[in-house]
Amino acid sequence: MNKYELERYLNEHIPLSLAMQVSVIEAGDEGVILSAPLAPNINHINTIFGGSASAVAILATWSLVHVRLKNAGIACSIVIQRNSMEYKQPIYDSFTA
């Protein structure tokens, strides 16, 4: 699965990724990098909303597992059981995970 296929999959199957304007920068067995712009993910103090940062981080991790399983020809369902994120500084512009 390449980055274009992954982005199309995310947009079609995880509508939040489309609303957040997530784009796939890199996708392969070695890693996945997702990016999202400030505008659709902005909060009341003009930085990235914490929930958006968390969602993109979760989506990047989920995507890595998804890509590896697809490339290995393994059919399965992936669900997130738990998430924890520490916010150390504000994000003022587009961001990656």
C-alpha atoms as a PDB file:
ATOM      1  CA  MET A   1       0.000   0.000   0.000  1.00  0.00           C
ATOM      2  CA  ASN A   2       1.468   3.341  -1.029  1.00  0.00           C
ATOM      3  CA  LYS A   3       0.743   6.797   0.354  1.00  0.00           C
ATOM      4  CA  TYR A   4      -1.946   7.555  -2.238  1.00  0.00           C
ATOM      5  CA  GLU A   5      -3.816   4.334  -1.523  1.00  0.00           C
ATOM      6  CA  LEU A   6      -3.616   4.939   2.216  1.00  0.00           C
ATOM      7  CA  GLU A   7      -4.897   8.510   1.926  1.00  0.00           C
ATOM      8  CA  ARG A   8      -7.789   7.367  -0.263  1.00  0.00           C
ATOM      9  CA  TYR A   9      -8.582   4.588   2.244  1.00  0.00           C
ATOM     10  CA  LEU A  10      -8.532   6.976   5.202  1.00  0.00           C
ATOM     11  CA  ASN A  11     -10.738   9.515   3.416  1.00  0.00           C
ATOM     12  CA  GLU A  12     -13.272   6.844   2.437  1.00  0.00           C
ATOM     13  CA  HIS A  13     -13.349   4.807   5.656  1.00  0.00           C
ATOM     14  CA  ILE A  14     -12.437   7.277   8.410  1.00  0.00           C
ATOM     15  CA  PRO A  15     -14.401  10.467   7.647  1.00  0.00           C
ATOM     16  CA  LEU A  16     -12.707  12.387  10.457  1.00  0.00           C
ATOM     17  CA  SER A  17      -9.439  12.254   8.474  1.00  0.00           C
ATOM     18  CA  LEU A  18     -11.128  14.077   5.600  1.00  0.00           C
ATOM     19  CA  ALA A  19     -12.688  16.696   7.887  1.00  0.00           C
ATOM     20  CA  MET A  20      -9.287  17.293   9.514  1.00  0.00           C
ATOM     21  CA  GLN A  21      -7.659  17.476   6.043  1.00  0.00           C
ATOM     22  CA  VAL A  22      -5.136  14.795   6.947  1.00  0.00           C
ATOM     23  CA  SER A  23      -2.660  14.029   4.184  1.00  0.00           C
ATOM     24  CA  VAL A  24      -0.276  11.104   3.931  1.00  0.00           C
ATOM     25  CA  ILE A  25       3.340  12.207   3.539  1.00  0.00           C
ATOM     26  CA  GLU A  26       4.856   8.738   3.700  1.00  0.00           C
ATOM     27  CA  ALA A  27       3.463   5.207   3.936  1.00  0.00           C
ATOM     28  CA  GLY A  28       5.358   1.952   4.021  1.00  0.00           C
ATOM     29  CA  ASP A  29       6.463  -0.889   6.241  1.00  0.00           C
ATOM     30  CA  GLU A  30       9.179   1.327   7.721  1.00  0.00           C
ATOM     31  CA  GLY A  31       6.830   4.082   8.793  1.00  0.00           C
ATOM     32  CA  VAL A  32       3.830   6.293   8.194  1.00  0.00           C
ATOM     33  CA  ILE A  33       3.849  10.079   8.401  1.00  0.00           C
ATOM     34  CA  LEU A  34       0.595  12.009   8.386  1.00  0.00           C
ATOM     35  CA  SER A  35       0.178  15.774   8.247  1.00  0.00           C
ATOM     36  CA  ALA A  36      -2.711  18.064   9.124  1.00  0.00           C
ATOM     37  CA  PRO A  37      -3.084  21.839   8.698  1.00  0.00           C
ATOM     38  CA  LEU A  38      -3.971  24.352  11.383  1.00  0.00           C
ATOM     39  CA  ALA A  39      -7.215  25.754   9.928  1.00  0.00           C
ATOM     40  CA  PRO A  40      -9.601  22.782  10.362  1.00  0.00           C
ATOM     41  CA  ASN A  41      -7.919  21.787  13.639  1.00  0.00           C
ATOM     42  CA  ILE A  42      -7.706  25.176  15.335  1.00  0.00           C
ATOM     43  CA  ASN A  43      -8.791  25.952  18.895  1.00  0.00           C
ATOM     44  CA  HIS A  44      -9.906  29.146  20.629  1.00  0.00           C
ATOM     45  CA  ILE A  45      -6.308  30.413  21.097  1.00  0.00           C
ATOM     46  CA  ASN A  46      -5.267  29.816  17.470  1.00  0.00           C
ATOM     47  CA  THR A  47      -3.218  26.686  18.105  1.00  0.00           C
ATOM     48  CA  ILE A  48      -3.934  23.060  17.236  1.00  0.00           C
ATOM     49  CA  PHE A  49      -6.815  21.610  19.230  1.00  0.00           C
ATOM     50  CA  GLY A  50      -5.457  18.867  21.531  1.00  0.00           C
ATOM     51  CA  GLY A  51      -8.055  16.385  20.322  1.00  0.00           C
ATOM     52  CA  SER A  52      -6.877  16.893  16.751  1.00  0.00           C
ATOM     53  CA  ALA A  53      -3.252  16.291  17.712  1.00  0.00           C
ATOM     54  CA  SER A  54      -4.286  13.139  19.530  1.00  0.00           C
ATOM     55  CA  ALA A  55      -6.481  11.953  16.649  1.00  0.00           C
ATOM     56  CA  VAL A  56      -3.696  12.375  14.081  1.00  0.00           C
ATOM     57  CA  ALA A  57      -1.213  10.560  16.343  1.00  0.00           C
ATOM     58  CA  ILE A  58      -3.659   7.672  16.789  1.00  0.00           C
ATOM     59  CA  LEU A  59      -4.407   7.639  13.071  1.00  0.00           C
ATOM     60  CA  ALA A  60      -0.695   7.505  12.189  1.00  0.00           C
ATOM     61  CA  THR A  61      -0.118   4.561  14.500  1.00  0.00           C
ATOM     62  CA  TRP A  62      -3.237   2.768  13.295  1.00  0.00           C
ATOM     63  CA  SER A  63      -2.165   3.439   9.694  1.00  0.00           C
ATOM     64  CA  LEU A  64       1.268   1.894  10.226  1.00  0.00           C
ATOM     65  CA  VAL A  65      -0.286  -1.332  11.500  1.00  0.00           C
ATOM     66  CA  HIS A  66      -2.852  -1.247   8.667  1.00  0.00           C
ATOM     67  CA  VAL A  67      -0.176  -0.769   5.978  1.00  0.00           C
ATOM     68  CA  ARG A  68       2.045  -3.537   7.365  1.00  0.00           C
ATOM     69  CA  LEU A  69      -0.843  -6.000   7.545  1.00  0.00           C
ATOM     70  CA  LYS A  70      -2.093  -5.111   4.043  1.00  0.00           C
ATOM     71  CA  ASN A  71       1.403  -5.456   2.591  1.00  0.00           C
ATOM     72  CA  ALA A  72       1.763  -8.844   4.282  1.00  0.00           C
ATOM     73  CA  GLY A  73      -1.591  -9.995   2.889  1.00  0.00           C
ATOM     74  CA  ILE A  74      -3.116 -10.448   6.344  1.00  0.00           C
ATOM     75  CA  ALA A  75      -6.819  -9.645   6.566  1.00  0.00           C
ATOM     76  CA  CYS A  76      -8.002  -8.432   9.963  1.00  0.00           C
ATOM     77  CA  SER A  77      -9.720  -5.625  11.836  1.00  0.00           C
ATOM     78  CA  ILE A  78      -7.696  -3.129  13.861  1.00  0.00           C
ATOM     79  CA  VAL A  79      -9.220  -1.199  16.742  1.00  0.00           C
ATOM     80  CA  ILE A  80      -7.652   1.206  19.213  1.00  0.00           C
ATOM     81  CA  GLN A  81      -8.077   0.033  22.787  1.00  0.00           C
ATOM     82  CA  ARG A  82      -6.433   2.878  24.674  1.00  0.00           C
ATOM     83  CA  ASN A  83      -4.719   6.195  24.073  1.00  0.00           C
ATOM     84  CA  SER A  84      -2.636   8.519  26.193  1.00  0.00           C
ATOM     85  CA  MET A  85      -0.929  11.704  25.088  1.00  0.00           C
ATOM     86  CA  GLU A  86       1.143  14.316  26.847  1.00  0.00           C
ATOM     87  CA  TYR A  87       0.983  17.899  25.566  1.00  0.00           C
ATOM     88  CA  LYS A  88       4.326  19.586  26.188  1.00  0.00           C
ATOM     89  CA  GLN A  89       3.948  22.690  24.035  1.00  0.00           C
ATOM     90  CA  PRO A  90       1.386  24.342  21.756  1.00  0.00           C
ATOM     91  CA  ILE A  91       1.373  23.644  18.024  1.00  0.00           C
ATOM     92  CA  TYR A  92       1.005  26.853  15.994  1.00  0.00           C
ATOM     93  CA  ASP A  93       0.869  25.531  12.425  1.00  0.00           C
ATOM     94  CA  SER A  94       0.466  22.356  10.405  1.00  0.00           C
ATOM     95  CA  PHE A  95       1.813  19.299  12.162  1.00  0.00           C
ATOM     96  CA  THR A  96       2.897  15.735  11.505  1.00  0.00           C
ATOM     97  CA  ALA A  97       2.676  12.437  13.339  1.00  0.00           C
END
